[in-house]
N, C-alpha and C. Protein backbone atom coordinates (compact mmCIF):
# COMPACT_ATOMS: atom_id res chain seq x y z
N MET A 1 -8.14 18.09 10.20
CA MET A 1 -6.78 17.64 10.09
C MET A 1 -6.39 17.58 8.61
N ASN A 2 -5.29 18.15 8.24
CA ASN A 2 -4.80 18.14 6.88
C ASN A 2 -3.87 16.94 6.71
N ASP A 3 -4.39 15.87 6.21
CA ASP A 3 -3.65 14.62 6.10
C ASP A 3 -3.12 14.47 4.68
N GLU A 4 -1.82 14.54 4.52
CA GLU A 4 -1.20 14.44 3.21
C GLU A 4 -1.58 13.15 2.49
N LEU A 5 -1.66 12.05 3.21
CA LEU A 5 -1.98 10.77 2.59
C LEU A 5 -3.37 10.77 1.96
N GLN A 6 -4.32 11.42 2.62
CA GLN A 6 -5.68 11.45 2.09
C GLN A 6 -5.80 12.29 0.83
N HIS A 7 -4.79 13.08 0.53
CA HIS A 7 -4.80 13.86 -0.70
C HIS A 7 -4.28 13.06 -1.89
N LEU A 8 -3.72 11.88 -1.61
CA LEU A 8 -3.25 11.01 -2.69
C LEU A 8 -4.43 10.23 -3.25
N LYS A 9 -4.37 9.95 -4.54
CA LYS A 9 -5.41 9.17 -5.20
C LYS A 9 -5.56 7.82 -4.50
N ASN A 10 -6.78 7.38 -4.33
CA ASN A 10 -7.14 6.06 -3.79
C ASN A 10 -7.14 5.94 -2.27
N LEU A 11 -6.50 6.86 -1.56
CA LEU A 11 -6.36 6.70 -0.11
C LEU A 11 -7.40 7.56 0.62
N GLY A 12 -8.20 6.90 1.43
CA GLY A 12 -9.21 7.59 2.23
C GLY A 12 -8.84 7.57 3.70
N LYS A 13 -9.82 7.87 4.50
CA LYS A 13 -9.59 8.01 5.94
C LYS A 13 -9.07 6.72 6.57
N THR A 14 -9.70 5.60 6.28
CA THR A 14 -9.30 4.35 6.92
C THR A 14 -7.91 3.92 6.48
N SER A 15 -7.65 3.94 5.18
CA SER A 15 -6.33 3.52 4.73
C SER A 15 -5.25 4.45 5.26
N ALA A 16 -5.55 5.75 5.33
CA ALA A 16 -4.57 6.69 5.89
C ALA A 16 -4.32 6.39 7.38
N GLN A 17 -5.37 6.07 8.12
CA GLN A 17 -5.21 5.73 9.54
C GLN A 17 -4.34 4.49 9.70
N TRP A 18 -4.57 3.48 8.86
CA TRP A 18 -3.76 2.27 8.92
C TRP A 18 -2.30 2.59 8.63
N LEU A 19 -2.07 3.41 7.62
CA LEU A 19 -0.69 3.77 7.26
C LEU A 19 -0.03 4.57 8.38
N HIS A 20 -0.77 5.49 8.97
CA HIS A 20 -0.23 6.25 10.11
C HIS A 20 0.16 5.31 11.25
N ALA A 21 -0.68 4.30 11.48
CA ALA A 21 -0.44 3.37 12.59
C ALA A 21 0.87 2.60 12.42
N VAL A 22 1.35 2.48 11.19
CA VAL A 22 2.61 1.76 10.96
C VAL A 22 3.77 2.72 10.69
N GLY A 23 3.55 4.00 10.92
CA GLY A 23 4.63 4.98 10.82
C GLY A 23 4.77 5.66 9.47
N ILE A 24 3.78 5.51 8.61
CA ILE A 24 3.79 6.16 7.30
C ILE A 24 2.89 7.39 7.38
N HIS A 25 3.51 8.56 7.28
CA HIS A 25 2.76 9.80 7.49
C HIS A 25 2.78 10.74 6.30
N SER A 26 3.55 10.43 5.28
CA SER A 26 3.67 11.34 4.14
C SER A 26 3.85 10.54 2.85
N ALA A 27 3.74 11.23 1.73
CA ALA A 27 3.98 10.60 0.44
C ALA A 27 5.42 10.10 0.36
N ASN A 28 6.34 10.84 0.93
CA ASN A 28 7.74 10.40 0.94
C ASN A 28 7.91 9.11 1.72
N ASP A 29 7.27 9.03 2.88
CA ASP A 29 7.30 7.78 3.66
C ASP A 29 6.77 6.62 2.82
N LEU A 30 5.66 6.88 2.15
CA LEU A 30 5.03 5.84 1.34
C LEU A 30 5.95 5.39 0.21
N ARG A 31 6.62 6.33 -0.42
CA ARG A 31 7.58 5.98 -1.48
C ARG A 31 8.73 5.14 -0.92
N ARG A 32 9.20 5.48 0.28
CA ARG A 32 10.30 4.72 0.89
C ARG A 32 9.89 3.26 1.16
N TYR A 33 8.69 3.08 1.65
CA TYR A 33 8.20 1.73 1.93
C TYR A 33 7.87 0.97 0.65
N GLY A 34 7.33 1.69 -0.33
CA GLY A 34 6.81 1.04 -1.52
C GLY A 34 5.47 0.41 -1.22
N ALA A 35 4.75 0.07 -2.26
CA ALA A 35 3.40 -0.48 -2.08
C ALA A 35 3.42 -1.79 -1.31
N VAL A 36 4.32 -2.69 -1.68
CA VAL A 36 4.36 -4.00 -1.03
C VAL A 36 4.78 -3.86 0.43
N GLY A 37 5.79 -3.06 0.70
CA GLY A 37 6.25 -2.87 2.08
C GLY A 37 5.19 -2.23 2.96
N ALA A 38 4.50 -1.24 2.42
CA ALA A 38 3.45 -0.56 3.19
C ALA A 38 2.29 -1.52 3.46
N TYR A 39 1.89 -2.26 2.45
CA TYR A 39 0.80 -3.23 2.60
C TYR A 39 1.17 -4.29 3.64
N ARG A 40 2.38 -4.81 3.54
CA ARG A 40 2.83 -5.83 4.51
C ARG A 40 2.85 -5.27 5.93
N ALA A 41 3.28 -4.02 6.08
CA ALA A 41 3.32 -3.41 7.42
C ALA A 41 1.92 -3.28 8.00
N VAL A 42 0.97 -2.88 7.16
CA VAL A 42 -0.42 -2.74 7.61
C VAL A 42 -0.97 -4.10 8.03
N ARG A 43 -0.74 -5.12 7.21
CA ARG A 43 -1.24 -6.46 7.53
C ARG A 43 -0.56 -7.01 8.79
N ALA A 44 0.74 -6.76 8.93
CA ALA A 44 1.47 -7.25 10.10
C ALA A 44 0.96 -6.61 11.38
N ARG A 45 0.43 -5.42 11.27
CA ARG A 45 -0.12 -4.71 12.43
C ARG A 45 -1.48 -5.28 12.84
N GLY A 46 -2.03 -6.17 12.00
CA GLY A 46 -3.28 -6.84 12.34
C GLY A 46 -4.51 -6.28 11.65
N PHE A 47 -4.32 -5.28 10.80
CA PHE A 47 -5.46 -4.73 10.08
C PHE A 47 -5.85 -5.70 8.97
N ARG A 48 -7.16 -5.86 8.77
CA ARG A 48 -7.67 -6.82 7.79
C ARG A 48 -7.83 -6.16 6.43
N ALA A 49 -6.74 -5.73 5.89
CA ALA A 49 -6.74 -5.06 4.59
C ALA A 49 -6.76 -6.09 3.47
N SER A 50 -7.55 -5.82 2.44
CA SER A 50 -7.60 -6.71 1.28
C SER A 50 -6.51 -6.29 0.28
N LYS A 51 -6.38 -7.08 -0.76
CA LYS A 51 -5.40 -6.77 -1.80
C LYS A 51 -5.71 -5.43 -2.47
N VAL A 52 -6.95 -4.98 -2.38
CA VAL A 52 -7.28 -3.68 -2.96
C VAL A 52 -6.42 -2.59 -2.34
N LEU A 53 -6.08 -2.72 -1.06
CA LEU A 53 -5.19 -1.72 -0.44
C LEU A 53 -3.83 -1.74 -1.12
N LEU A 54 -3.32 -2.91 -1.41
CA LEU A 54 -2.04 -3.00 -2.13
C LEU A 54 -2.11 -2.24 -3.45
N TYR A 55 -3.18 -2.47 -4.20
CA TYR A 55 -3.33 -1.81 -5.49
C TYR A 55 -3.59 -0.31 -5.31
N ALA A 56 -4.33 0.04 -4.26
CA ALA A 56 -4.61 1.46 -4.00
C ALA A 56 -3.32 2.22 -3.67
N ILE A 57 -2.46 1.60 -2.88
CA ILE A 57 -1.18 2.25 -2.54
C ILE A 57 -0.33 2.42 -3.79
N GLU A 58 -0.24 1.38 -4.59
CA GLU A 58 0.53 1.47 -5.84
C GLU A 58 -0.05 2.56 -6.74
N GLY A 59 -1.37 2.58 -6.85
CA GLY A 59 -2.02 3.62 -7.64
C GLY A 59 -1.74 5.02 -7.09
N ALA A 60 -1.73 5.14 -5.77
CA ALA A 60 -1.42 6.43 -5.15
C ALA A 60 -0.01 6.87 -5.51
N LEU A 61 0.92 5.93 -5.50
CA LEU A 61 2.31 6.25 -5.84
C LEU A 61 2.45 6.64 -7.32
N LEU A 62 1.61 6.07 -8.17
CA LEU A 62 1.67 6.35 -9.61
C LEU A 62 0.67 7.41 -10.05
N ASP A 63 -0.18 7.87 -9.11
CA ASP A 63 -1.22 8.86 -9.39
C ASP A 63 -2.23 8.36 -10.44
N VAL A 64 -2.65 7.11 -10.26
CA VAL A 64 -3.72 6.55 -11.10
C VAL A 64 -4.70 5.81 -10.19
N HIS A 65 -5.94 5.69 -10.65
CA HIS A 65 -6.92 4.93 -9.89
C HIS A 65 -6.49 3.47 -9.88
N TRP A 66 -6.64 2.82 -8.73
CA TRP A 66 -6.14 1.45 -8.59
C TRP A 66 -6.74 0.50 -9.63
N SER A 67 -7.99 0.75 -10.02
CA SER A 67 -8.63 -0.15 -10.99
C SER A 67 -8.04 -0.01 -12.39
N GLU A 68 -7.27 1.05 -12.61
CA GLU A 68 -6.65 1.27 -13.92
C GLU A 68 -5.27 0.60 -14.02
N LEU A 69 -4.79 0.01 -12.94
CA LEU A 69 -3.52 -0.72 -13.02
C LEU A 69 -3.72 -1.93 -13.93
N PRO A 70 -2.85 -2.12 -14.90
CA PRO A 70 -3.00 -3.27 -15.79
C PRO A 70 -2.89 -4.58 -15.02
N PRO A 71 -3.57 -5.63 -15.49
CA PRO A 71 -3.49 -6.93 -14.81
C PRO A 71 -2.05 -7.41 -14.62
N ALA A 72 -1.18 -7.16 -15.58
CA ALA A 72 0.21 -7.59 -15.45
C ALA A 72 0.90 -6.85 -14.31
N HIS A 73 0.55 -5.59 -14.10
CA HIS A 73 1.14 -4.81 -13.00
C HIS A 73 0.66 -5.37 -11.66
N LYS A 74 -0.63 -5.67 -11.57
CA LYS A 74 -1.17 -6.27 -10.34
C LYS A 74 -0.52 -7.62 -10.08
N ALA A 75 -0.32 -8.41 -11.14
CA ALA A 75 0.32 -9.71 -10.99
C ALA A 75 1.75 -9.55 -10.49
N ALA A 76 2.46 -8.54 -11.00
CA ALA A 76 3.83 -8.29 -10.55
C ALA A 76 3.85 -7.90 -9.07
N LEU A 77 2.89 -7.09 -8.65
CA LEU A 77 2.80 -6.72 -7.23
C LEU A 77 2.56 -7.96 -6.37
N ASN A 78 1.64 -8.81 -6.82
CA ASN A 78 1.35 -10.03 -6.07
C ASN A 78 2.57 -10.93 -6.01
N GLY A 79 3.33 -10.97 -7.09
CA GLY A 79 4.57 -11.76 -7.10
C GLY A 79 5.58 -11.23 -6.09
N LYS A 80 5.72 -9.92 -6.03
CA LYS A 80 6.64 -9.31 -5.04
C LYS A 80 6.16 -9.60 -3.62
N LEU A 81 4.84 -9.52 -3.43
CA LEU A 81 4.28 -9.80 -2.11
C LEU A 81 4.54 -11.25 -1.72
N ASP A 82 4.30 -12.17 -2.64
CA ASP A 82 4.54 -13.60 -2.36
C ASP A 82 6.01 -13.85 -2.07
N ALA A 83 6.89 -13.22 -2.84
CA ALA A 83 8.34 -13.41 -2.64
C ALA A 83 8.76 -12.89 -1.27
N ALA A 84 8.21 -11.74 -0.87
CA ALA A 84 8.55 -11.17 0.44
C ALA A 84 8.04 -12.07 1.56
N GLN A 85 6.88 -12.63 1.40
CA GLN A 85 6.32 -13.52 2.43
C GLN A 85 7.13 -14.81 2.50
N ASP A 86 7.51 -15.36 1.33
CA ASP A 86 8.31 -16.58 1.31
C ASP A 86 9.68 -16.34 1.94
N HIS A 87 10.26 -15.16 1.70
CA HIS A 87 11.56 -14.82 2.26
C HIS A 87 11.50 -14.80 3.79
N ASN A 88 10.41 -14.31 4.34
CA ASN A 88 10.28 -14.24 5.80
C ASN A 88 10.04 -15.60 6.43
N LYS A 89 9.51 -16.55 5.64
CA LYS A 89 9.26 -17.89 6.18
C LYS A 89 10.54 -18.70 6.28
N SER A 90 11.54 -18.37 5.46
CA SER A 90 12.77 -19.17 5.46
C SER A 90 13.77 -18.68 6.47
C-alpha cells in the first residue's frame, strides 16, 4: 500500500493508521487539521497516543524530525492543546 502519510517525516505505520481512522488520509488533510487538531482527533477516537505524536505531526508538517522542534515551539503546541481542551470544557 502506498500511504502518503508514511512518506512524511516522523509518521510510521501506527501513526498513519490512527490518522486514517479519524479521516486524515493525505498531507493536505493533515495541513487542514493542523497538528493540534489531528492529535486531538486521534485521542478522541480512543487511541493512547503520547505527546510525541503531537510533536511528530508538527514535525511532519514542517519536514523536520520531531526532536528538532525547539522547546518554545513544543510549549506553544502544548498551549494550543490546553486552550482547545479548556474551550471544549466550557
